C-alpha atoms as a PDB file:
ATOM      1  CA  MET A   1     -42.195  -2.658  57.866  1.00  0.00           C
ATOM      2  CA  ILE A   2     -42.976   0.802  56.437  1.00  0.00           C
ATOM      3  CA  LYS A   3     -39.908   3.010  56.724  1.00  0.00           C
ATOM      4  CA  CYS A   4     -41.577   6.291  55.661  1.00  0.00           C
ATOM      5  CA  PRO A   5     -44.379   7.666  57.936  1.00  0.00           C
ATOM      6  CA  SER A   6     -45.996   9.398  54.990  1.00  0.00           C
ATOM      7  CA  LEU A   7     -46.703   6.020  53.373  1.00  0.00           C
ATOM      8  CA  ILE A   8     -48.511   4.507  56.331  1.00  0.00           C
ATOM      9  CA  ALA A   9     -51.746   4.892  54.319  1.00  0.00           C
ATOM     10  CA  THR A  10     -51.689   2.654  51.319  1.00  0.00           C
ATOM     11  CA  PRO A  11     -49.880   4.488  48.443  1.00  0.00           C
ATOM     12  CA  PHE A  12     -51.391   4.624  45.018  1.00  0.00           C
ATOM     13  CA  ILE A  13     -50.742   1.371  43.124  1.00  0.00           C
ATOM     14  CA  GLY A  14     -48.394   3.154  40.732  1.00  0.00           C
ATOM     15  CA  GLU A  15     -46.374   4.554  43.596  1.00  0.00           C
ATOM     16  CA  LEU A  16     -46.217   1.299  45.456  1.00  0.00           C
ATOM     17  CA  PHE A  17     -44.187  -0.469  42.804  1.00  0.00           C
ATOM     18  CA  SER A  18     -41.444   2.309  42.982  1.00  0.00           C
ATOM     19  CA  ALA A  19     -41.623   2.333  46.721  1.00  0.00           C
ATOM     20  CA  LEU A  20     -41.032  -1.505  46.807  1.00  0.00           C
ATOM     21  CA  ARG A  21     -38.248  -1.193  44.243  1.00  0.00           C
ATOM     22  CA  THR A  22     -36.408   1.517  46.134  1.00  0.00           C
ATOM     23  CA  GLY A  23     -36.931  -0.036  49.523  1.00  0.00           C
ATOM     24  CA  VAL A  24     -39.064   2.794  50.910  1.00  0.00           C
ATOM     25  CA  VAL A  25     -41.673   0.147  51.512  1.00  0.00           C
ATOM     26  CA  ASP A  26     -40.650  -3.402  52.538  1.00  0.00           C
ATOM     27  CA  ALA A  27     -43.873  -5.239  51.725  1.00  0.00           C
ATOM     28  CA  GLN A  28     -47.389  -4.946  50.401  1.00  0.00           C
ATOM     29  CA  GLU A  29     -50.640  -6.832  50.703  1.00  0.00           C
ATOM     30  CA  ASN A  30     -52.597  -7.775  47.616  1.00  0.00           C
ATOM     31  CA  PRO A  31     -54.052 -10.958  46.123  1.00  0.00           C
ATOM     32  CA  VAL A  32     -51.790 -13.045  44.013  1.00  0.00           C
ATOM     33  CA  TYR A  33     -53.521 -12.079  40.833  1.00  0.00           C
ATOM     34  CA  ARG A  34     -53.177  -8.378  41.500  1.00  0.00           C
ATOM     35  CA  ASN A  35     -49.470  -8.836  42.300  1.00  0.00           C
ATOM     36  CA  ILE A  36     -49.075 -10.525  38.951  1.00  0.00           C
ATOM     37  CA  ALA A  37     -50.960  -7.671  37.094  1.00  0.00           C
ATOM     38  CA  SER A  38     -49.058  -5.018  38.936  1.00  0.00           C
ATOM     39  CA  GLY A  39     -45.631  -6.612  38.429  1.00  0.00           C
ATOM     40  CA  PHE A  40     -45.042  -6.756  42.114  1.00  0.00           C
ATOM     41  CA  TYR A  41     -43.318 -10.186  41.940  1.00  0.00           C
ATOM     42  CA  ASP A  42     -40.436  -8.383  40.182  1.00  0.00           C
ATOM     43  CA  VAL A  43     -39.690  -6.515  43.409  1.00  0.00           C
ATOM     44  CA  THR A  44     -41.380  -8.665  46.162  1.00  0.00           C
ATOM     45  CA  PRO A  45     -40.987 -12.391  45.663  1.00  0.00           C
ATOM     46  CA  TYR A  46     -42.975 -13.552  48.760  1.00  0.00           C
ATOM     47  CA  ASN A  47     -46.632 -14.188  49.214  1.00  0.00           C
ATOM     48  CA  ILE A  48     -47.879 -14.944  52.684  1.00  0.00           C
ATOM     49  CA  GLN A  49     -50.989 -17.145  52.398  1.00  0.00           C
ATOM     50  CA  THR A  50     -53.135 -16.104  55.298  1.00  0.00           C
ATOM     51  CA  HIS A  51     -56.597 -16.394  53.461  1.00  0.00           C
ATOM     52  CA  HIS A  52     -57.800 -13.470  55.474  1.00  0.00           C
ATOM     53  CA  ALA A  53     -59.449 -11.423  52.688  1.00  0.00           C
ATOM     54  CA  PHE A  54     -61.865 -12.309  49.935  1.00  0.00           C
ATOM     55  CA  ASP A  55     -63.384 -10.631  46.995  1.00  0.00           C
ATOM     56  CA  LEU A  56     -67.087 -10.611  47.708  1.00  0.00           C
ATOM     57  CA  ASN A  57     -68.529  -7.962  45.410  1.00  0.00           C
ATOM     58  CA  ASP A  58     -70.825  -6.526  48.025  1.00  0.00           C
ATOM     59  CA  VAL A  59     -74.203  -5.191  47.089  1.00  0.00           C
ATOM     60  CA  HIS A  60     -75.020  -1.789  48.402  1.00  0.00           C
ATOM     61  CA  ILE A  61     -78.417  -0.050  48.152  1.00  0.00           C
ATOM     62  CA  THR A  62     -79.974   2.940  50.009  1.00  0.00           C
ATOM     63  CA  GLU A  63     -82.344   2.432  52.902  1.00  0.00           C
ATOM     64  CA  SER A  64     -85.155   4.296  50.987  1.00  0.00           C
ATOM     65  CA  PHE A  65     -84.791   1.965  48.019  1.00  0.00           C
ATOM     66  CA  TRP A  66     -84.814  -1.099  50.346  1.00  0.00           C
ATOM     67  CA  GLN A  67     -88.002   0.113  52.082  1.00  0.00           C
ATOM     68  CA  SER A  68     -89.634   0.719  48.691  1.00  0.00           C
ATOM     69  CA  LEU A  69     -89.419  -3.059  47.924  1.00  0.00           C
ATOM     70  CA  SER A  70     -92.159  -5.418  48.922  1.00  0.00           C
ATOM     71  CA  PRO A  71     -91.241  -8.183  51.400  1.00  0.00           C
ATOM     72  CA  GLU A  72     -91.208 -10.615  48.497  1.00  0.00           C
ATOM     73  CA  MET A  73     -88.787  -8.414  46.409  1.00  0.00           C
ATOM     74  CA  GLN A  74     -86.644  -7.917  49.524  1.00  0.00           C
ATOM     75  CA  GLN A  75     -86.299 -11.723  49.874  1.00  0.00           C
ATOM     76  CA  LEU A  76     -85.592 -12.105  46.157  1.00  0.00           C
ATOM     77  CA  PHE A  77     -82.934  -9.367  46.470  1.00  0.00           C
ATOM     78  CA  LYS A  78     -81.321 -11.172  49.464  1.00  0.00           C
ATOM     79  CA  ASP A  79     -81.327 -14.518  47.633  1.00  0.00           C
ATOM     80  CA  ALA A  80     -79.770 -12.976  44.532  1.00  0.00           C
ATOM     81  CA  ALA A  81     -77.118 -11.224  46.615  1.00  0.00           C
ATOM     82  CA  LYS A  82     -76.277 -14.469  48.430  1.00  0.00           C
ATOM     83  CA  GLU A  83     -76.150 -16.317  45.125  1.00  0.00           C
ATOM     84  CA  ALA A  84     -73.750 -13.655  43.703  1.00  0.00           C
ATOM     85  CA  ARG A  85     -71.554 -13.845  46.838  1.00  0.00           C
ATOM     86  CA  ASP A  86     -71.344 -17.611  46.687  1.00  0.00           C
ATOM     87  CA  TRP A  87     -70.443 -17.527  43.064  1.00  0.00           C
ATOM     88  CA  THR A  88     -67.860 -14.874  43.653  1.00  0.00           C
ATOM     89  CA  LEU A  89     -66.234 -16.941  46.449  1.00  0.00           C
ATOM     90  CA  ILE A  90     -65.944 -20.040  44.222  1.00  0.00           C
ATOM     91  CA  GLU A  91     -64.471 -17.973  41.320  1.00  0.00           C
ATOM     92  CA  SER A  92     -62.160 -16.082  43.608  1.00  0.00           C
ATOM     93  CA  GLU A  93     -60.795 -19.432  44.885  1.00  0.00           C
ATOM     94  CA  LYS A  94     -60.296 -20.675  41.342  1.00  0.00           C
ATOM     95  CA  LYS A  95     -58.574 -17.403  40.394  1.00  0.00           C
ATOM     96  CA  MET A  96     -56.358 -17.579  43.428  1.00  0.00           C
ATOM     97  CA  ALA A  97     -55.338 -21.166  42.658  1.00  0.00           C
ATOM     98  CA  THR A  98     -54.368 -20.363  39.064  1.00  0.00           C
ATOM     99  CA  GLY A  99     -52.642 -17.177  40.178  1.00  0.00           C
ATOM    100  CA  ILE A 100     -50.553 -19.063  42.724  1.00  0.00           C
ATOM    101  CA  GLN A 101     -49.377 -21.453  40.112  1.00  0.00           C
ATOM    102  CA  GLU A 102     -48.658 -18.726  37.636  1.00  0.00           C
ATOM    103  CA  ALA A 103     -46.729 -16.729  40.252  1.00  0.00           C
ATOM    104  CA  LYS A 104     -44.636 -19.776  40.996  1.00  0.00           C
ATOM    105  CA  ASP A 105     -44.119 -20.672  37.377  1.00  0.00           C
ATOM    106  CA  LYS A 106     -43.493 -17.310  35.857  1.00  0.00           C
ATOM    107  CA  PHE A 107     -41.923 -15.325  38.764  1.00  0.00           C
ATOM    108  CA  ASP A 108     -40.497 -17.933  41.060  1.00  0.00           C
ATOM    109  CA  ALA A 109     -42.762 -16.524  43.725  1.00  0.00           C
ATOM    110  CA  LYS A 110     -42.241 -17.964  47.179  1.00  0.00           C
ATOM    111  CA  MET A 111     -45.527 -18.994  48.836  1.00  0.00           C
ATOM    112  CA  VAL A 112     -45.276 -18.991  52.585  1.00  0.00           C
ATOM    113  CA  LYS A 113     -47.946 -20.748  54.695  1.00  0.00           C
ATOM    114  CA  PRO A 114     -47.851 -19.170  58.174  1.00  0.00           C
ATOM    115  CA  ASP A 115     -48.888 -21.024  61.389  1.00  0.00           C
ATOM    116  CA  VAL A 116     -52.282 -19.293  61.530  1.00  0.00           C
ATOM    117  CA  ALA A 117     -53.226 -21.236  64.779  1.00  0.00           C
ATOM    118  CA  ALA A 118     -50.232 -19.550  66.452  1.00  0.00           C
ATOM    119  CA  PHE A 119     -51.490 -16.154  65.458  1.00  0.00           C
ATOM    120  CA  GLN A 120     -54.914 -17.073  66.798  1.00  0.00           C
ATOM    121  CA  ARG A 121     -53.510 -18.272  70.078  1.00  0.00           C
ATOM    122  CA  ALA A 122     -51.418 -15.111  70.416  1.00  0.00           C
ATOM    123  CA  ALA A 123     -54.498 -12.917  69.758  1.00  0.00           C
ATOM    124  CA  GLN A 124     -56.595 -14.510  72.465  1.00  0.00           C
ATOM    125  CA  GLY A 125     -57.653 -11.994  74.980  1.00  0.00           C
ATOM    126  CA  LEU A 126     -56.479  -9.110  72.844  1.00  0.00           C
ATOM    127  CA  GLU A 127     -59.952  -7.784  72.632  1.00  0.00           C
ATOM    128  CA  ASP A 128     -59.847  -7.072  76.312  1.00  0.00           C
ATOM    129  CA  ASP A 129     -57.344  -4.333  75.479  1.00  0.00           C
ATOM    130  CA  TYR A 130     -59.906  -2.765  73.133  1.00  0.00           C
ATOM    131  CA  PRO A 131     -63.373  -3.075  74.768  1.00  0.00           C
ATOM    132  CA  TYR A 132     -65.164  -1.269  71.996  1.00  0.00           C
ATOM    133  CA  LEU A 133     -64.118  -4.117  69.623  1.00  0.00           C
ATOM    134  CA  LYS A 134     -65.096  -7.020  71.915  1.00  0.00           C
ATOM    135  CA  ASP A 135     -68.484  -7.780  70.385  1.00  0.00           C
ATOM    136  CA  MET A 136     -67.152  -7.652  66.880  1.00  0.00           C
ATOM    137  CA  VAL A 137     -64.162  -9.922  67.785  1.00  0.00           C
ATOM    138  CA  GLN A 138     -66.528 -12.473  69.454  1.00  0.00           C
ATOM    139  CA  LYS A 139     -68.837 -12.469  66.354  1.00  0.00           C
ATOM    140  CA  ILE A 140     -65.775 -13.013  64.022  1.00  0.00           C
ATOM    141  CA  ARG A 141     -64.452 -15.839  66.292  1.00  0.00           C
ATOM    142  CA  ALA A 142     -67.869 -17.503  66.318  1.00  0.00           C
ATOM    143  CA  LEU A 143     -67.844 -17.840  62.488  1.00  0.00           C
ATOM    144  CA  LYS A 144     -67.011 -21.230  61.150  1.00  0.00           C
END
């Protein structure tokens, strides 16, 4: 729970450590390896393992550049981007696994595995309260 309304937006990473240390902020959300690098386990010993975010290294280009490519080059570009994404996901999982072990060993970090199914059940129908998100929520739930 964030106690200070001015910190509702994510504070700069340097400010976050101090905010956690002083209790202005109760928690933060970052991957295990970033928590290790930032020293956050010195002030926040818990890690909730929701697996809700991944490092994908998205590829972004302008529409004009995309249109300048031949259909063959567009396909090569898509294939290369998919290959890079797949590699990144594999490497991210490896980094996460080693980071979890390091956090446990060096910082006595507490890894918490929440009941994700309970959250999913509780969220059923929530999109009805936000009709403008309904299509997006349905697409997300359709992913396997």
